[in-house]
Amino acid sequence: MSAESRAELNRHFEWIADRLPEKGGRFVRWLRQPSSRLVRIPLAFFLVVGGIFSFLPILGLWMLPLGLMLIAQDVPFLQRPLAHALGWVERKWLGRKNGQS
């Protein structure tokens, strides 16, 4: 586990929490606390499964990265690849937003 990857994941979590309504942001911050592990792990599992079945109504692809981020809180070897993937997505997103390919 690298401190850089952990910091990158923390930055993405804060980005998500800041863009949610106040109650949603508090919930995301609460989920990340070590004492919330018994809630975080099953919720992460259900988010990943829901993301896989995103073609069904109500479920969405947004569930997959959030579930993986929550799992990475407790599985250190996932932190680095997930931080790199989220950084890549962010760069692509900002590039498109700024009119670049």
Protein backbone atom coordinates (compact mmCIF):
# COMPACT_ATOMS: atom_id res chain seq x y z
CA MET A 1 0.00 0.00 0.00
CA SER A 2 1.42 3.33 -0.98
CA ALA A 3 0.66 6.53 0.88
CA GLU A 4 0.31 8.25 -2.49
CA SER A 5 -2.41 5.84 -3.63
CA ARG A 6 -4.23 6.17 -0.32
CA ALA A 7 -4.08 9.98 -0.58
CA GLU A 8 -5.41 9.82 -4.15
CA LEU A 9 -8.35 7.65 -3.06
CA ASN A 10 -9.04 10.02 -0.17
CA ARG A 11 -9.10 12.92 -2.62
CA HIS A 12 -11.64 11.15 -4.81
CA PHE A 13 -13.80 10.29 -1.80
CA GLU A 14 -13.78 13.92 -0.70
CA TRP A 15 -14.66 15.02 -4.24
CA ILE A 16 -17.69 12.72 -4.16
CA ALA A 17 -18.72 13.72 -0.63
CA ASP A 18 -18.46 17.43 -1.48
CA ARG A 19 -20.78 17.07 -4.46
CA LEU A 20 -23.49 15.14 -2.64
CA PRO A 21 -26.24 16.77 -0.61
CA GLU A 22 -25.20 17.37 3.00
CA LYS A 23 -26.68 14.12 4.36
CA GLY A 24 -25.14 12.08 1.55
CA GLY A 25 -21.73 13.62 2.14
CA ARG A 26 -21.93 12.88 5.86
CA PHE A 27 -22.92 9.29 5.08
CA VAL A 28 -19.94 8.79 2.75
CA ARG A 29 -17.57 10.25 5.36
CA TRP A 30 -19.13 8.03 8.04
CA LEU A 31 -18.72 4.95 5.81
CA ARG A 32 -15.01 5.60 5.52
CA GLN A 33 -14.43 5.50 9.26
CA PRO A 34 -12.84 2.28 10.58
CA SER A 35 -15.81 1.72 12.90
CA SER A 36 -18.14 1.47 9.87
CA ARG A 37 -16.41 -1.56 8.40
CA LEU A 38 -19.33 -3.94 9.09
CA VAL A 39 -21.59 -1.70 7.01
CA ARG A 40 -19.02 -0.67 4.40
CA ILE A 41 -18.06 -4.16 3.19
CA PRO A 42 -21.59 -5.49 2.46
CA LEU A 43 -22.62 -2.14 0.96
CA ALA A 44 -19.54 -2.18 -1.30
CA PHE A 45 -20.39 -5.70 -2.43
CA PHE A 46 -23.97 -4.72 -3.29
CA LEU A 47 -22.77 -1.61 -5.14
CA VAL A 48 -20.38 -3.67 -7.26
CA VAL A 49 -23.07 -6.24 -8.06
CA GLY A 50 -25.53 -3.42 -8.83
CA GLY A 51 -22.96 -1.83 -11.12
CA ILE A 52 -22.48 -5.09 -12.99
CA PHE A 53 -26.25 -5.27 -13.56
CA SER A 54 -26.45 -1.61 -14.60
CA PHE A 55 -28.59 -2.49 -17.61
CA LEU A 56 -31.52 -3.05 -15.23
CA PRO A 57 -33.78 -0.15 -14.23
CA ILE A 58 -32.74 1.77 -11.09
CA LEU A 59 -29.26 0.27 -11.01
CA GLY A 60 -26.48 2.21 -12.67
CA LEU A 61 -22.88 2.05 -13.74
CA TRP A 62 -22.06 4.72 -11.11
CA MET A 63 -22.42 1.97 -8.49
CA LEU A 64 -19.38 0.02 -9.69
CA PRO A 65 -16.61 2.59 -9.05
CA LEU A 66 -18.14 3.62 -5.73
CA GLY A 67 -18.32 -0.01 -4.61
CA LEU A 68 -14.72 -0.62 -5.68
CA MET A 69 -13.59 2.50 -3.83
CA LEU A 70 -15.29 1.27 -0.67
CA ILE A 71 -13.72 -2.18 -1.02
CA ALA A 72 -10.30 -0.57 -1.53
CA GLN A 73 -10.63 1.01 1.92
CA ASP A 74 -10.16 -2.48 3.38
CA VAL A 75 -8.14 -4.26 0.66
CA PRO A 76 -4.80 -2.45 0.35
CA PHE A 77 -3.61 -4.18 -2.86
CA LEU A 78 -6.60 -2.67 -4.72
CA GLN A 79 -5.73 0.90 -3.72
CA ARG A 80 -2.96 1.53 -6.24
CA PRO A 81 -4.72 0.20 -9.37
CA LEU A 82 -7.96 1.90 -8.39
CA ALA A 83 -6.21 5.22 -7.72
CA HIS A 84 -4.55 5.00 -11.16
CA ALA A 85 -7.85 4.13 -12.86
CA LEU A 86 -9.70 6.97 -11.14
CA GLY A 87 -6.90 9.39 -12.09
CA TRP A 88 -7.14 8.27 -15.72
CA VAL A 89 -10.93 8.71 -15.74
CA GLU A 90 -10.59 12.13 -14.14
CA ARG A 91 -8.04 13.26 -16.74
CA LYS A 92 -10.26 12.03 -19.58
CA TRP A 93 -13.33 13.67 -18.03
CA LEU A 94 -11.58 17.01 -17.57
CA GLY A 95 -10.10 16.77 -21.06
CA ARG A 96 -13.54 16.35 -22.60
CA LYS A 97 -14.99 19.06 -20.40
CA ASN A 98 -12.30 21.45 -21.62
CA GLY A 99 -12.88 20.50 -25.26
CA GLN A 100 -9.87 18.24 -25.71
CA SER A 101 -10.04 14.63 -26.96
